């Protein structure tokens, strides 16, 4: 083996001096072996003793000429079978073969690895994909379990929270169910895309006034509005609404109600009060004196302090009033609600507001009825109930509708129809039927003041919904500005 700077020489050449040295060592070892054999067999080979000098001379000659082809030794001039005969050329070739095998021993694994390296890399990549897929499936399974648990908890949670108040008789079953329904609607509507935006005229007092005007009355609107009221003022004046006593703010804009309605007609609302906060500065006595007296005051949702002030003024002036706290019921405390509704001729609420009234005031349903003459509770598509002291509860269904477009303002329209029929001197049942009919018109239109009807059309639909008797009683009183 020849080494040159850490690499194996390609020739694998064995130097001649090294070959000679190998031969001499081999010959010396051969002489020692032969001498030992002669000593052991001396008597059996006496005739070999005479020849030993010659053989020794021959062996010595072989040592002096190591380049010869063979190394011969043995008795009688033969080759001793115990001593190997090695050809130097074959020794050189054998070492070359051994070197080649050694190189193959190191090169074969490298070639094998290079040949299979792409397949190993592909296998590693596929293994990574499998592990990644299993990881994704594991996380999806955990997410599904979490989602399922959350959905089940979302159903039970509002019931658990509201149950103590239900069992304490602070709220009724309807309030419990509405709490659960409201929670479900809110959690499903925390973020959503609005398909369209429509700006409509509205406001509870203005909606009721518009409905009264549509049924032939001349209501007086008393409210605080903003600097942007001019256009709205013209609209209401054209529809039999007296706006002379409206307070116009010098800085604020008119109050805004933003309502989002889904495909199932569920609503989420927000409110900007704006100029409404100045309504507390309105003096109801001044208006009463200016118009020569008021038949009734309808106190609709407004600034809470203004609502309480108007109630106190109506009591002091002896003017009958109807309380319609509506959305402000949630904002007002128990004492404010007591001062608002105590002594009212009529109290308008929906089922949720009815329960909220009893909860905040601490009054029972009977105690509330002792403080108001008539209590009207609306139930959406189920119609309304009318409770009057000393009379059985009256239930009135909704009117037949042609379509359902937008429920916004339906409650205001019901109140306008009820109060208009009350002004005509009709019974509680007929008042509710007229209110249900005009509320249906609002339901069939986009916007709270976009409906139109003639006298004949209104009476015809009233007849279809509530019968001939109702239509015949209402017909003489109806004088719609939209025509006969």
Protein backbone atom coordinates (compact mmCIF):
# COMPACT_ATOMS: atom_id res chain seq x y z
CA UNK A 1 0.00 0.00 0.00
CA UNK A 2 1.36 3.33 -1.00
CA UNK A 3 -0.06 6.49 0.67
CA UNK A 4 0.19 9.92 -0.86
CA UNK A 5 -1.36 12.88 1.03
CA UNK A 6 -4.05 10.76 2.66
CA UNK A 7 -5.21 8.93 -0.48
CA UNK A 8 -4.68 5.40 -1.78
CA UNK A 9 -2.36 5.26 -4.77
CA UNK A 10 -4.12 4.04 -7.90
CA UNK A 11 -1.18 1.74 -8.92
CA UNK A 12 -1.08 -0.06 -5.60
CA UNK A 13 2.60 -0.75 -6.42
CA UNK A 14 4.90 -2.55 -4.01
CA UNK A 15 8.47 -1.30 -4.26
CA UNK A 16 11.13 -3.78 -5.36
CA UNK A 17 13.18 -3.29 -2.20
CA UNK A 18 10.14 -4.15 -0.20
CA UNK A 19 9.58 -7.28 -2.31
CA UNK A 20 13.20 -8.39 -1.74
CA UNK A 21 12.86 -7.87 1.97
CA UNK A 22 9.74 -10.01 2.01
CA UNK A 23 11.55 -12.80 0.15
CA UNK A 24 14.54 -12.76 2.49
CA UNK A 25 12.33 -13.01 5.53
CA UNK A 26 10.51 -15.88 3.93
CA UNK A 27 13.78 -17.74 3.11
CA UNK A 28 15.14 -17.30 6.62
CA UNK A 29 11.96 -18.69 8.07
CA UNK A 30 12.21 -21.59 5.62
CA UNK A 31 15.84 -22.43 6.75
CA UNK A 32 14.82 -22.57 10.40
CA UNK A 33 11.96 -24.91 9.68
CA UNK A 34 14.14 -27.28 7.64
CA UNK A 35 16.93 -27.41 10.23
CA UNK A 36 14.47 -28.39 12.93
CA UNK A 37 13.14 -31.21 10.76
CA UNK A 38 16.68 -32.57 10.04
CA UNK A 39 17.51 -32.63 13.72
CA UNK A 40 14.44 -34.72 14.44
CA UNK A 41 15.01 -37.17 11.58
CA UNK A 42 18.84 -37.28 11.52
CA UNK A 43 19.22 -41.03 12.00
CA UNK A 44 16.61 -41.91 9.40
CA UNK A 45 18.32 -39.79 6.78
CA UNK A 46 22.04 -40.43 7.16
CA UNK A 47 22.64 -40.17 3.50
CA UNK A 48 21.17 -36.63 3.69
CA UNK A 49 23.98 -35.47 5.88
CA UNK A 50 26.46 -35.81 3.04
CA UNK A 51 24.30 -33.72 0.85
CA UNK A 52 23.52 -30.94 3.40
CA UNK A 53 26.50 -28.78 2.50
CA UNK A 54 25.44 -28.81 -1.12
CA UNK A 55 21.88 -28.00 -0.26
CA UNK A 56 22.97 -25.33 2.10
CA UNK A 57 25.09 -23.83 -0.62
CA UNK A 58 22.08 -23.99 -2.90
CA UNK A 59 19.90 -22.28 -0.36
CA UNK A 60 22.50 -19.68 0.21
CA UNK A 61 22.60 -19.07 -3.51
CA UNK A 62 18.88 -18.60 -3.53
CA UNK A 63 19.14 -16.00 -0.79
CA UNK A 64 21.77 -14.14 -2.83
CA UNK A 65 19.47 -14.19 -5.86
CA UNK A 66 15.98 -13.40 -4.58
CA UNK A 67 14.80 -12.32 -8.04
CA UNK A 68 14.60 -16.01 -9.25
CA UNK A 69 11.24 -17.50 -10.05
CA UNK A 70 10.94 -20.12 -7.27
CA UNK A 71 12.30 -20.93 -3.81
CA UNK A 72 13.10 -24.68 -3.81
CA UNK A 73 13.83 -26.74 -0.72
CA UNK A 74 13.28 -30.23 0.61
CA UNK A 75 14.99 -33.57 0.82
CA UNK A 76 16.36 -35.40 -2.21
CA UNK A 77 16.12 -32.25 -4.26
CA UNK A 78 12.24 -32.20 -4.01
CA UNK A 79 9.85 -29.56 -2.83
CA UNK A 80 9.00 -29.73 0.84
CA UNK A 81 5.21 -29.77 1.04
CA UNK A 82 5.22 -28.04 4.48
CA UNK A 83 6.93 -24.92 3.02
CA UNK A 84 4.88 -22.71 0.66
CA UNK A 85 6.10 -21.69 -2.77
CA UNK A 86 4.99 -18.10 -3.51
CA UNK A 87 5.22 -16.38 -6.83
CA UNK A 88 6.02 -12.73 -6.32
CA UNK A 89 4.02 -11.59 -9.35
CA UNK A 90 0.96 -13.39 -8.04
CA UNK A 91 1.49 -11.75 -4.65
CA UNK A 92 1.46 -8.34 -6.31
CA UNK A 93 -1.67 -9.10 -8.28
CA UNK A 94 -3.42 -10.43 -5.15
CA UNK A 95 -2.74 -7.24 -3.29
CA UNK A 96 -4.16 -5.21 -6.17
CA UNK A 97 -7.29 -7.35 -6.11
CA UNK A 98 -7.57 -6.88 -2.36
CA UNK A 99 -7.26 -3.12 -2.82
CA UNK A 100 -9.98 -3.11 -5.45
CA UNK A 101 -12.25 -5.10 -3.16
CA UNK A 102 -11.47 -2.67 -0.35
CA UNK A 103 -12.44 0.26 -2.58
CA UNK A 104 -15.67 -1.48 -3.59
CA UNK A 105 -16.35 -2.12 0.06
CA UNK A 106 -16.34 1.64 0.68
CA UNK A 107 -17.88 2.75 -2.63
CA UNK A 108 -20.81 0.33 -2.81
CA UNK A 109 -22.68 1.83 0.18
CA UNK A 110 -22.18 5.33 -1.27
CA UNK A 111 -23.50 4.29 -4.67
CA UNK A 112 -26.36 2.46 -2.98
CA UNK A 113 -27.24 5.55 -0.94
CA UNK A 114 -27.05 7.84 -3.98
CA UNK A 115 -29.27 5.48 -5.96
CA UNK A 116 -31.91 5.32 -3.24
CA UNK A 117 -31.56 8.89 -1.93
CA UNK A 118 -34.38 10.33 -4.13
CA UNK A 119 -36.75 7.59 -3.05
CA UNK A 120 -35.79 8.17 0.58
CA UNK A 121 -36.46 11.88 0.19
CA UNK A 122 -39.85 11.15 -1.38
CA UNK A 123 -40.67 8.79 1.46
CA UNK A 124 -39.74 11.49 4.02
CA UNK A 125 -41.92 14.06 2.22
CA UNK A 126 -44.87 11.67 2.09
CA UNK A 127 -44.37 10.85 5.75
CA UNK A 128 -44.46 14.57 6.53
CA UNK A 129 -47.74 14.95 4.59
CA UNK A 130 -49.29 12.06 6.49
CA UNK A 131 -48.24 13.44 9.84
CA UNK A 132 -49.52 16.90 8.89
CA UNK A 133 -52.86 15.46 7.74
CA UNK A 134 -53.25 13.53 10.99
CA UNK A 135 -52.48 16.69 12.93
CA UNK A 136 -55.15 18.62 11.00
CA UNK A 137 -57.74 15.90 11.57
CA UNK A 138 -56.92 15.83 15.27
CA UNK A 139 -57.43 19.57 15.62
CA UNK A 140 -60.62 19.50 13.57
CA UNK A 141 -62.00 16.80 15.82
CA UNK A 142 -61.20 18.88 18.90
CA UNK A 143 -62.80 21.95 17.30
CA UNK A 144 -65.95 19.99 16.48
CA UNK A 145 -66.20 18.79 20.05
CA UNK A 146 -65.71 22.34 21.32
CA UNK A 147 -68.32 23.75 18.91
CA UNK A 148 -70.87 21.10 19.85
CA UNK A 149 -70.31 21.72 23.54
CA UNK A 150 -70.59 25.48 23.07
CA UNK A 151 -73.86 25.17 21.12
CA UNK A 152 -75.40 23.01 23.80
CA UNK A 153 -74.20 25.36 26.53
CA UNK A 154 -75.58 28.37 24.64
CA UNK A 155 -79.06 26.80 24.80
CA UNK A 156 -78.93 26.03 28.51
CA UNK A 157 -76.98 29.07 29.76
CA UNK A 158 -79.68 31.81 29.39
CA UNK A 159 -82.28 29.50 30.95
CA UNK A 160 -80.02 28.82 33.93
CA UNK A 161 -79.33 32.54 34.39
CA UNK A 162 -83.00 33.58 34.18
CA UNK A 163 -84.41 30.57 36.07
CA UNK A 164 -83.96 32.03 39.61
CA UNK A 165 -86.05 35.07 38.69
CA UNK A 166 -88.66 32.83 37.06
CA UNK A 167 -89.02 30.63 40.14
CA UNK A 168 -89.11 33.74 42.30
CA UNK A 169 -92.09 34.87 40.17
CA UNK A 170 -90.25 38.00 39.09
CA UNK A 171 -90.75 37.10 35.43
CA UNK A 172 -93.27 34.91 33.67
CA UNK A 173 -92.69 31.99 31.34
CA UNK A 174 -92.87 34.30 28.35
CA UNK A 175 -90.07 36.44 29.73
CA UNK A 176 -87.95 33.34 30.33
CA UNK A 177 -88.47 32.15 26.77
CA UNK A 178 -87.79 35.61 25.32
CA UNK A 179 -84.55 35.79 27.28
CA UNK A 180 -83.38 32.50 25.81
CA UNK A 181 -84.52 33.51 22.32
CA UNK A 182 -82.82 36.90 22.52
CA UNK A 183 -79.54 35.33 23.65
CA UNK A 184 -79.63 32.90 20.73
CA UNK A 185 -80.34 35.65 18.23
CA UNK A 186 -77.56 37.87 19.54
CA UNK A 187 -74.88 35.16 19.51
CA UNK A 188 -75.81 34.30 15.90
CA UNK A 189 -75.71 37.94 14.83
CA UNK A 190 -72.58 39.37 16.40
CA UNK A 191 -71.13 39.97 12.95
CA UNK A 192 -73.04 39.99 9.68
CA UNK A 193 -73.19 41.55 6.23
CA UNK A 194 -76.04 43.98 5.54
CA UNK A 195 -77.48 43.56 2.06
CA UNK A 196 -79.02 47.02 1.77
CA UNK A 197 -79.59 50.35 3.50
CA UNK A 198 -82.89 52.20 3.41
CA UNK A 199 -83.48 55.53 5.17
CA UNK A 200 -87.09 55.96 6.31
CA UNK A 201 -89.06 58.47 8.34
CA UNK A 202 -89.98 57.24 11.80
CA UNK A 203 -90.07 57.85 15.53
CA UNK A 204 -92.78 56.45 17.78
CA UNK A 205 -94.64 59.72 18.29
CA UNK A 206 -94.42 60.64 14.61
CA UNK A 207 -95.55 57.15 13.53
CA UNK A 208 -98.58 57.25 15.81
CA UNK A 209 -99.40 60.78 14.67
CA UNK A 210 -99.11 59.74 11.02
CA UNK A 211 -101.47 56.78 11.61
CA UNK A 212 -104.01 58.99 13.35
CA UNK A 213 -103.87 61.41 10.45
CA UNK A 214 -104.33 58.53 7.95
CA UNK A 215 -107.58 57.61 9.79
CA UNK A 216 -108.93 61.16 9.58
CA UNK A 217 -107.75 62.60 12.93
CA UNK A 218 -105.76 65.80 13.52
CA UNK A 219 -103.09 64.92 16.14
CA UNK A 220 -100.69 67.43 17.68
CA UNK A 221 -97.04 66.38 17.71
CA UNK A 222 -95.16 67.53 20.82
CA UNK A 223 -91.47 66.59 20.66
CA UNK A 224 -87.91 67.90 20.43
CA UNK A 225 -86.37 67.65 16.96
CA UNK A 226 -83.07 68.62 15.37
CA UNK A 227 -81.86 71.20 12.91
CA UNK A 228 -82.52 68.73 10.08
CA UNK A 229 -86.30 68.59 10.66
CA UNK A 230 -87.47 70.84 7.81
CA UNK A 231 -88.12 68.09 5.26
CA UNK A 232 -89.77 65.81 7.80
CA UNK A 233 -91.90 68.73 8.96
CA UNK A 234 -93.30 69.24 5.48
CA UNK A 235 -94.11 65.53 5.14
CA UNK A 236 -96.04 65.34 8.42
CA UNK A 237 -97.93 68.57 7.77
CA UNK A 238 -99.20 67.17 4.46
CA UNK A 239 -100.59 64.13 6.33
CA UNK A 240 -102.84 65.89 8.90
CA UNK A 241 -100.21 66.21 11.66
CA UNK A 242 -99.96 69.51 13.58
CA UNK A 243 -96.26 70.31 14.14
CA UNK A 244 -96.61 73.87 15.45
CA UNK A 245 -95.56 72.90 18.95
CA UNK A 246 -92.43 70.98 18.08
CA UNK A 247 -89.26 72.20 19.82
CA UNK A 248 -86.42 72.55 17.29
CA UNK A 249 -82.91 72.23 18.71
CA UNK A 250 -80.30 74.73 17.58
CA UNK A 251 -77.39 72.27 17.82
CA UNK A 252 -78.55 68.64 17.83
CA UNK A 253 -79.80 66.44 15.03
CA UNK A 254 -83.09 64.60 15.17
CA UNK A 255 -83.02 61.30 17.03
CA UNK A 256 -82.14 58.22 14.93
CA UNK A 257 -83.29 54.64 15.32
CA UNK A 258 -81.19 52.07 13.46
CA UNK A 259 -82.91 48.72 13.01
CA UNK A 260 -81.44 45.63 11.30
CA UNK A 261 -83.95 42.97 10.22
CA UNK A 262 -83.06 39.42 9.16
CA UNK A 263 -84.93 37.09 6.80
CA UNK A 264 -87.06 35.75 9.66
CA UNK A 265 -88.06 39.33 10.61
CA UNK A 266 -85.98 39.29 13.81
CA UNK A 267 -84.55 42.69 14.63
CA UNK A 268 -81.50 44.22 16.30
CA UNK A 269 -81.85 47.91 17.14
CA UNK A 270 -79.67 50.81 18.24
CA UNK A 271 -80.73 54.34 19.08
CA UNK A 272 -79.17 57.81 18.88
CA UNK A 273 -81.14 60.28 21.07
CA UNK A 274 -79.79 63.53 19.64
CA UNK A 275 -82.22 66.41 20.17
CA UNK A 276 -84.57 64.17 22.13
CA UNK A 277 -82.58 65.02 25.28
CA UNK A 278 -84.05 68.55 25.10
CA UNK A 279 -87.65 67.30 25.32
CA UNK A 280 -87.61 67.83 29.07
CA UNK A 281 -87.74 71.57 28.39
CA UNK A 282 -91.19 71.33 26.76
CA UNK A 283 -94.05 72.68 28.88
CA UNK A 284 -97.19 70.64 28.27
CA UNK A 285 -99.34 73.27 30.01
CA UNK A 286 -98.34 75.84 27.39
CA UNK A 287 -99.45 73.55 24.58
CA UNK A 288 -102.69 72.73 26.36
CA UNK A 289 -103.52 76.40 26.70
CA UNK A 290 -102.48 77.24 23.13
CA UNK A 291 -104.79 74.69 21.48
CA UNK A 292 -107.73 75.27 23.82
CA UNK A 293 -107.48 71.95 25.62
CA UNK A 294 -106.36 68.42 24.89
CA UNK A 295 -108.57 65.33 24.73
CA UNK A 296 -105.78 62.89 25.63
CA UNK A 297 -101.99 62.83 25.89
CA UNK A 298 -100.12 59.78 24.58
CA UNK A 299 -96.74 59.61 26.26
CA UNK A 300 -94.52 57.64 23.89
CA UNK A 301 -90.80 56.75 24.28
CA UNK A 302 -88.84 59.95 24.81
CA UNK A 303 -86.27 61.34 27.19
CA UNK A 304 -87.11 59.58 30.52
CA UNK A 305 -87.26 62.84 32.46
CA UNK A 306 -89.51 64.38 29.81
CA UNK A 307 -91.85 61.39 29.96
CA UNK A 308 -92.22 61.69 33.74
CA UNK A 309 -92.69 65.47 33.47
CA UNK A 310 -95.45 65.08 30.86
CA UNK A 311 -97.20 62.53 33.06
CA UNK A 312 -97.08 64.87 36.04
CA UNK A 313 -98.35 67.76 33.92
CA UNK A 314 -101.25 65.69 32.56
CA UNK A 315 -102.27 64.68 36.09
CA UNK A 316 -102.11 68.26 37.33
CA UNK A 317 -104.10 69.53 34.35
CA UNK A 318 -106.64 66.71 34.57
CA UNK A 319 -105.89 65.48 31.06
CA UNK A 320 -106.38 61.74 30.46
CA UNK A 321 -103.14 60.11 29.34
CA UNK A 322 -101.96 56.84 27.86
CA UNK A 323 -98.56 55.47 28.85
CA UNK A 324 -96.48 53.82 26.16
CA UNK A 325 -92.93 53.49 27.58
CA UNK A 326 -91.90 50.85 24.99
CA UNK A 327 -88.08 50.73 24.51
CA UNK A 328 -87.46 53.16 27.37
CA UNK A 329 -88.79 50.59 29.84
CA UNK A 330 -85.34 48.99 29.94
CA UNK A 331 -83.68 52.36 30.57
CA UNK A 332 -85.97 53.59 33.35
CA UNK A 333 -85.81 52.43 36.95
CA UNK A 334 -88.69 51.19 39.06
CA UNK A 335 -89.59 54.55 40.58
CA UNK A 336 -89.69 56.29 37.22
CA UNK A 337 -91.94 53.57 35.81
CA UNK A 338 -94.32 53.90 38.78
CA UNK A 339 -94.57 57.64 38.29
CA UNK A 340 -95.09 57.17 34.58
CA UNK A 341 -97.95 54.66 34.58
CA UNK A 342 -99.75 55.44 37.84
CA UNK A 343 -103.14 56.89 37.00
CA UNK A 344 -102.96 56.22 33.24
CA UNK A 345 -106.14 55.58 31.31
CA UNK A 346 -104.30 53.11 29.06
CA UNK A 347 -101.02 51.24 29.36
CA UNK A 348 -99.51 49.85 26.14
CA UNK A 349 -96.75 47.22 26.35
CA UNK A 350 -95.70 44.04 24.61
CA UNK A 351 -95.31 40.77 26.52
CA UNK A 352 -91.65 41.42 27.40
CA UNK A 353 -92.32 44.99 28.55
CA UNK A 354 -95.24 43.76 30.64
CA UNK A 355 -92.96 41.38 32.54
CA UNK A 356 -90.31 44.09 32.87
CA UNK A 357 -92.88 46.49 34.34
CA UNK A 358 -93.82 44.03 37.06
CA UNK A 359 -90.21 43.17 37.76
CA UNK A 360 -88.96 46.74 38.13
CA UNK A 361 -91.94 48.12 40.02
CA UNK A 362 -92.42 45.07 42.22
CA UNK A 363 -96.14 45.20 41.46
CA UNK A 364 -98.12 42.13 40.50
CA UNK A 365 -100.32 42.07 37.41
CA UNK A 366 -103.39 42.81 39.51
CA UNK A 367 -101.64 45.66 41.30
CA UNK A 368 -100.69 47.23 37.98
CA UNK A 369 -104.29 46.95 36.81
CA UNK A 370 -105.43 48.74 39.99
CA UNK A 371 -103.35 51.75 38.93
CA UNK A 372 -104.38 51.90 35.27
CA UNK A 373 -107.88 51.56 33.80
CA UNK A 374 -107.01 49.49 30.73
CA UNK A 375 -103.92 47.40 30.06
CA UNK A 376 -103.24 46.40 26.44
CA UNK A 377 -100.55 43.80 25.79
CA UNK A 378 -99.50 42.90 22.26
CA UNK A 379 -98.29 39.36 21.44
CA UNK A 380 -96.96 39.70 17.92
CA UNK A 381 -98.58 37.28 15.50
CA UNK A 382 -100.90 36.06 18.28
CA UNK A 383 -102.74 39.37 18.48
CA UNK A 384 -103.32 41.25 21.71
CA UNK A 385 -105.07 41.00 25.07
CA UNK A 386 -107.08 43.77 26.73
CA UNK A 387 -107.53 43.87 30.51
CA UNK A 388 -109.99 46.32 32.06
CA UNK A 389 -110.79 46.48 35.71
CA UNK A 390 -114.00 44.68 36.43
CA UNK A 391 -114.20 43.06 33.00
CA UNK A 392 -112.98 39.72 31.61
CA UNK A 393 -109.77 39.65 29.58
CA UNK A 394 -110.42 40.18 25.89
CA UNK A 395 -108.27 38.61 23.15
CA UNK A 396 -108.19 40.01 19.63
CA UNK A 397 -106.34 38.24 16.77
CA UNK A 398 -104.30 39.91 14.06
CA UNK A 399 -105.80 40.94 10.71
CA UNK A 400 -105.21 38.91 7.57
CA UNK A 401 -102.10 40.06 5.74
CA UNK A 402 -101.27 39.83 2.04
CA UNK A 403 -97.53 39.70 2.67
CA UNK A 404 -94.87 40.23 5.33
CA UNK A 405 -92.29 42.81 4.36
CA UNK A 406 -91.09 44.69 7.45
CA UNK A 407 -92.44 44.60 11.03
CA UNK A 408 -90.83 47.92 11.99
CA UNK A 409 -93.49 50.33 13.24
CA UNK A 410 -96.26 47.72 13.51
CA UNK A 411 -96.74 48.45 17.23
CA UNK A 412 -96.96 52.20 16.63
CA UNK A 413 -99.58 51.66 13.92
CA UNK A 414 -101.61 49.45 16.27
CA UNK A 415 -101.67 52.23 18.87
CA UNK A 416 -102.74 54.82 16.30
CA UNK A 417 -105.65 52.62 15.14
CA UNK A 418 -106.69 51.84 18.72
CA UNK A 419 -106.68 55.53 19.73
CA UNK A 420 -108.48 56.64 16.57
CA UNK A 421 -111.31 54.17 17.18
CA UNK A 422 -111.33 55.26 20.83
CA UNK A 423 -111.87 58.84 19.62
CA UNK A 424 -114.79 57.53 17.54
CA UNK A 425 -116.33 56.13 20.71
CA UNK A 426 -116.03 52.45 19.78
CA UNK A 427 -115.60 49.48 22.13
CA UNK A 428 -112.29 48.04 23.26
CA UNK A 429 -112.69 45.13 20.83
CA UNK A 430 -113.36 47.40 17.83
CA UNK A 431 -110.45 49.65 18.84
CA UNK A 432 -108.12 46.64 18.83
CA UNK A 433 -109.50 45.42 15.48
CA UNK A 434 -108.91 48.81 13.82
CA UNK A 435 -105.42 48.86 15.32
CA UNK A 436 -104.71 45.34 14.03
CA UNK A 437 -105.89 46.30 10.53
CA UNK A 438 -103.69 49.37 10.16
CA UNK A 439 -100.76 47.46 11.71
CA UNK A 440 -101.12 44.92 8.90
CA UNK A 441 -100.74 47.70 6.32
CA UNK A 442 -97.42 48.68 7.92
CA UNK A 443 -96.29 45.04 7.92
CA UNK A 444 -96.90 44.86 4.16
CA UNK A 445 -94.71 47.89 3.35
CA UNK A 446 -91.08 48.86 3.69
CA UNK A 447 -91.09 51.74 6.13
CA UNK A 448 -93.36 52.93 8.93
CA UNK A 449 -95.16 55.68 7.00
CA UNK A 450 -95.26 54.32 3.45
CA UNK A 451 -98.71 52.68 3.45
CA UNK A 452 -101.78 53.99 1.72
CA UNK A 453 -105.43 52.92 1.67
CA UNK A 454 -108.83 54.20 0.66
CA UNK A 455 -111.89 54.06 2.88
CA UNK A 456 -113.48 51.32 0.80
CA UNK A 457 -110.35 49.17 0.75
CA UNK A 458 -109.82 49.50 4.50
CA UNK A 459 -113.43 48.55 5.32
CA UNK A 460 -113.32 45.62 2.87
CA UNK A 461 -110.22 44.13 4.48
CA UNK A 462 -111.59 44.80 7.94
CA UNK A 463 -114.70 42.87 6.98
CA UNK A 464 -112.64 39.93 5.68
CA UNK A 465 -110.67 39.77 8.93
CA UNK A 466 -113.25 40.52 11.61
CA UNK A 467 -116.69 40.20 10.04
CA UNK A 468 -119.56 42.38 8.92
CA UNK A 469 -120.38 43.80 12.35
CA UNK A 470 -116.91 45.27 12.79
CA UNK A 471 -116.88 46.74 9.27
CA UNK A 472 -120.34 48.26 9.66
CA UNK A 473 -119.43 49.96 12.95
CA UNK A 474 -116.18 51.44 11.66
CA UNK A 475 -117.31 52.56 8.18
CA UNK A 476 -119.24 55.70 9.24
CA UNK A 477 -116.24 57.11 11.11
CA UNK A 478 -113.48 56.54 8.58
CA UNK A 479 -112.45 59.56 6.48
CA UNK A 480 -109.02 58.84 5.13
CA UNK A 481 -107.08 61.65 3.44
CA UNK A 482 -106.07 59.08 0.80
CA UNK A 483 -109.64 59.07 -0.62
CA UNK A 484 -112.74 56.97 -0.50
